[in-house]
């Protein structure tokens, strides 16, 4: 095993894809992207909607908003995105006012502009005009020091779909519980 570790260390390559250069790899350990820090997730979005496609967008913020986001004082639960006049905007995202901010603090529920390529925005215009499709933020995260929003092109679930998802979740939990009890016997 030691010979394998030193081999990876010297040659600096990925054991799965030999042509790809990577940092030092310890076998059995997953390489995690350290430049991303998840700040907020919208778990309800995956329950209420069928997510068809996922997009990444930058967000235009003021200084005190960035500081509040870094502290994790943000809520994207009821927010949504909409295309207006060829630009993408995010509505109802609540960013709490920064505690050390004074008169320069921001409005917590203001509309925020999202940054995407024009081609992607034009594609979203066509897709959101379809019946039932909407843009829902799935998560908010820091990537290389910049705040990013992951948007999902989503179609609303019906009530019976939600019930089915809950039943599947309960069944999976029951199977795991039975399996765990069986292991300890």
Protein backbone atom coordinates (compact mmCIF):
# COMPACT_ATOMS: atom_id res chain seq x y z
CA UNK A 1 0.00 0.00 0.00
CA UNK A 2 2.87 2.37 0.74
CA UNK A 3 4.29 1.81 -2.74
CA UNK A 4 0.94 2.85 -4.24
CA UNK A 5 0.80 6.06 -2.19
CA UNK A 6 4.33 7.08 -3.16
CA UNK A 7 3.55 6.33 -6.83
CA UNK A 8 0.67 8.80 -6.77
CA UNK A 9 2.79 11.35 -4.96
CA UNK A 10 5.68 11.21 -7.45
CA UNK A 11 3.78 11.08 -10.74
CA UNK A 12 0.99 13.46 -9.68
CA UNK A 13 -1.73 11.84 -11.79
CA UNK A 14 -5.29 10.66 -11.34
CA UNK A 15 -5.42 6.83 -10.91
CA UNK A 16 -8.85 6.69 -12.60
CA UNK A 17 -7.94 8.88 -15.58
CA UNK A 18 -4.14 8.59 -16.05
CA UNK A 19 -3.80 11.53 -18.46
CA UNK A 20 -5.33 14.06 -16.04
CA UNK A 21 -3.00 15.99 -13.72
CA UNK A 22 -4.21 16.44 -10.14
CA UNK A 23 -2.84 17.20 -6.69
CA UNK A 24 -1.75 14.56 -4.20
CA UNK A 25 -4.36 11.80 -4.00
CA UNK A 26 -4.89 9.46 -1.09
CA UNK A 27 -6.61 6.26 -2.30
CA UNK A 28 -10.18 5.95 -1.06
CA UNK A 29 -10.49 9.66 -0.32
CA UNK A 30 -12.74 11.89 -2.42
CA UNK A 31 -11.35 15.18 -3.67
CA UNK A 32 -13.69 17.97 -2.53
CA UNK A 33 -13.88 21.36 -4.23
CA UNK A 34 -12.62 23.61 -1.45
CA UNK A 35 -13.42 26.82 -3.33
CA UNK A 36 -17.20 26.39 -2.83
CA UNK A 37 -18.95 27.14 0.46
CA UNK A 38 -22.70 26.53 0.57
CA UNK A 39 -24.49 29.34 2.38
CA UNK A 40 -28.19 28.51 1.89
CA UNK A 41 -30.17 25.68 0.34
CA UNK A 42 -33.78 25.55 -0.76
CA UNK A 43 -34.70 21.97 0.17
CA UNK A 44 -38.38 22.69 -0.33
CA UNK A 45 -37.74 23.40 -4.03
CA UNK A 46 -36.82 19.77 -4.72
CA UNK A 47 -39.98 18.66 -2.92
CA UNK A 48 -42.35 21.13 -4.61
CA UNK A 49 -40.89 21.02 -8.14
CA UNK A 50 -39.47 18.65 -10.73
CA UNK A 51 -36.08 20.21 -11.48
CA UNK A 52 -35.40 19.78 -15.20
CA UNK A 53 -32.23 21.84 -15.71
CA UNK A 54 -29.77 23.65 -13.43
CA UNK A 55 -28.04 26.94 -14.18
CA UNK A 56 -25.39 28.94 -12.31
CA UNK A 57 -25.75 32.71 -12.12
CA UNK A 58 -23.82 35.51 -10.48
CA UNK A 59 -25.72 38.04 -8.41
CA UNK A 60 -25.38 41.83 -8.14
CA UNK A 61 -25.10 42.79 -4.45
CA UNK A 62 -24.22 45.74 -2.28
CA UNK A 63 -21.35 45.60 0.24
CA UNK A 64 -23.48 45.08 3.35
CA UNK A 65 -25.43 42.32 1.58
CA UNK A 66 -22.24 40.40 0.88
CA UNK A 67 -21.20 40.70 4.53
CA UNK A 68 -24.61 39.41 5.70
CA UNK A 69 -24.45 36.52 3.24
CA UNK A 70 -20.98 35.55 4.48
CA UNK A 71 -22.48 35.37 7.99
CA UNK A 72 -25.21 33.09 6.61
CA UNK A 73 -28.10 35.49 7.26
CA UNK A 74 -30.02 34.77 4.07
CA UNK A 75 -33.25 32.96 3.19
CA UNK A 76 -34.09 31.74 -0.33
CA UNK A 77 -37.12 29.65 0.62
CA UNK A 78 -39.85 31.74 -1.07
CA UNK A 79 -37.73 33.33 -3.77
CA UNK A 80 -38.04 32.95 -7.54
CA UNK A 81 -36.40 34.35 -10.67
CA UNK A 82 -38.01 36.01 -13.67
CA UNK A 83 -36.77 37.32 -17.02
CA UNK A 84 -37.76 40.93 -17.72
CA UNK A 85 -36.63 42.98 -20.74
CA UNK A 86 -33.81 40.57 -21.52
CA UNK A 87 -32.44 40.62 -17.94
CA UNK A 88 -32.79 38.10 -15.14
CA UNK A 89 -34.01 39.19 -11.68
CA UNK A 90 -34.36 37.39 -8.35
CA UNK A 91 -37.38 38.22 -6.17
CA UNK A 92 -38.20 37.62 -2.48
CA UNK A 93 -34.70 36.59 -1.39
CA UNK A 94 -34.36 37.85 2.17
CA UNK A 95 -30.92 39.06 3.24
CA UNK A 96 -30.91 40.34 6.82
CA UNK A 97 -29.42 43.81 7.36
CA UNK A 98 -25.76 43.79 8.38
CA UNK A 99 -25.42 44.44 12.13
CA UNK A 100 -22.44 46.80 11.84
CA UNK A 101 -23.97 48.60 8.86
CA UNK A 102 -25.40 52.06 9.47
CA UNK A 103 -27.36 54.24 7.03
CA UNK A 104 -25.83 52.28 4.15
CA UNK A 105 -27.77 49.12 4.99
CA UNK A 106 -29.93 47.63 2.27
CA UNK A 107 -33.60 46.71 1.91
CA UNK A 108 -33.86 43.01 2.94
CA UNK A 109 -36.34 42.01 0.20
CA UNK A 110 -35.15 44.15 -2.71
CA UNK A 111 -35.10 42.75 -6.25
CA UNK A 112 -31.62 41.60 -7.23
CA UNK A 113 -30.20 41.30 -10.74
CA UNK A 114 -28.70 37.97 -11.78
CA UNK A 115 -25.75 37.72 -14.15
CA UNK A 116 -25.81 35.18 -16.97
CA UNK A 117 -24.71 35.10 -20.59
CA UNK A 118 -27.17 36.61 -23.07
CA UNK A 119 -27.50 33.30 -24.93
CA UNK A 120 -28.52 31.52 -21.70
CA UNK A 121 -31.02 34.25 -20.84
CA UNK A 122 -32.58 34.04 -24.32
CA UNK A 123 -32.87 30.28 -23.92
CA UNK A 124 -34.55 30.75 -20.53
CA UNK A 125 -37.03 33.21 -22.05
CA UNK A 126 -38.17 30.49 -24.46
CA UNK A 127 -38.30 27.79 -21.79
CA UNK A 128 -40.16 29.82 -19.15
CA UNK A 129 -42.86 30.76 -21.65
CA UNK A 130 -43.82 27.09 -21.68
CA UNK A 131 -46.74 26.21 -19.46
CA UNK A 132 -45.80 25.58 -15.84
CA UNK A 133 -42.04 26.19 -16.03
CA UNK A 134 -40.41 28.59 -13.58
CA UNK A 135 -36.96 29.49 -12.28
CA UNK A 136 -36.36 28.56 -8.63
CA UNK A 137 -33.12 29.14 -6.69
CA UNK A 138 -31.84 25.84 -5.34
CA UNK A 139 -28.80 27.01 -3.41
CA UNK A 140 -26.68 30.06 -2.70
CA UNK A 141 -22.93 29.60 -2.35
CA UNK A 142 -19.55 31.30 -2.46
CA UNK A 143 -17.31 30.26 -5.34
CA UNK A 144 -13.81 31.73 -5.35
CA UNK A 145 -15.01 34.62 -3.17
CA UNK A 146 -18.03 35.44 -5.38
CA UNK A 147 -21.66 34.84 -4.45
CA UNK A 148 -23.40 32.51 -6.90
CA UNK A 149 -26.98 31.27 -7.19
CA UNK A 150 -27.89 27.86 -8.57
CA UNK A 151 -31.17 28.21 -10.45
CA UNK A 152 -33.36 25.29 -11.37
CA UNK A 153 -35.72 25.32 -14.33
CA UNK A 154 -38.63 23.65 -12.61
CA UNK A 155 -42.12 22.36 -13.21
CA UNK A 156 -44.54 22.29 -10.28
CA UNK A 157 -45.44 18.94 -8.75
CA UNK A 158 -49.03 17.95 -8.22
CA UNK A 159 -50.31 16.86 -4.81
CA UNK A 160 -50.24 13.15 -5.66
CA UNK A 161 -46.58 13.48 -6.78
CA UNK A 162 -45.71 14.98 -3.39
CA UNK A 163 -47.51 12.18 -1.57
CA UNK A 164 -45.68 9.60 -3.65
CA UNK A 165 -42.34 11.26 -2.81
CA UNK A 166 -43.19 11.20 0.92
CA UNK A 167 -44.17 7.51 0.72
CA UNK A 168 -40.91 6.64 -1.06
CA UNK A 169 -38.93 8.59 1.53
CA UNK A 170 -40.72 6.80 4.41
CA UNK A 171 -40.19 3.39 2.78
CA UNK A 172 -36.50 4.09 2.24
CA UNK A 173 -36.13 5.18 5.88
CA UNK A 174 -37.91 2.01 7.06
CA UNK A 175 -35.64 -0.20 4.94
CA UNK A 176 -32.53 1.52 6.31
CA UNK A 177 -33.80 1.16 9.89
CA UNK A 178 -34.52 -2.57 9.39
CA UNK A 179 -31.12 -3.07 7.78
CA UNK A 180 -29.38 -1.26 10.63
CA UNK A 181 -31.19 -3.36 13.28
CA UNK A 182 -30.29 -6.53 11.40
CA UNK A 183 -26.60 -5.59 11.34
CA UNK A 184 -26.41 -5.22 15.13
CA UNK A 185 -28.04 -8.59 15.83
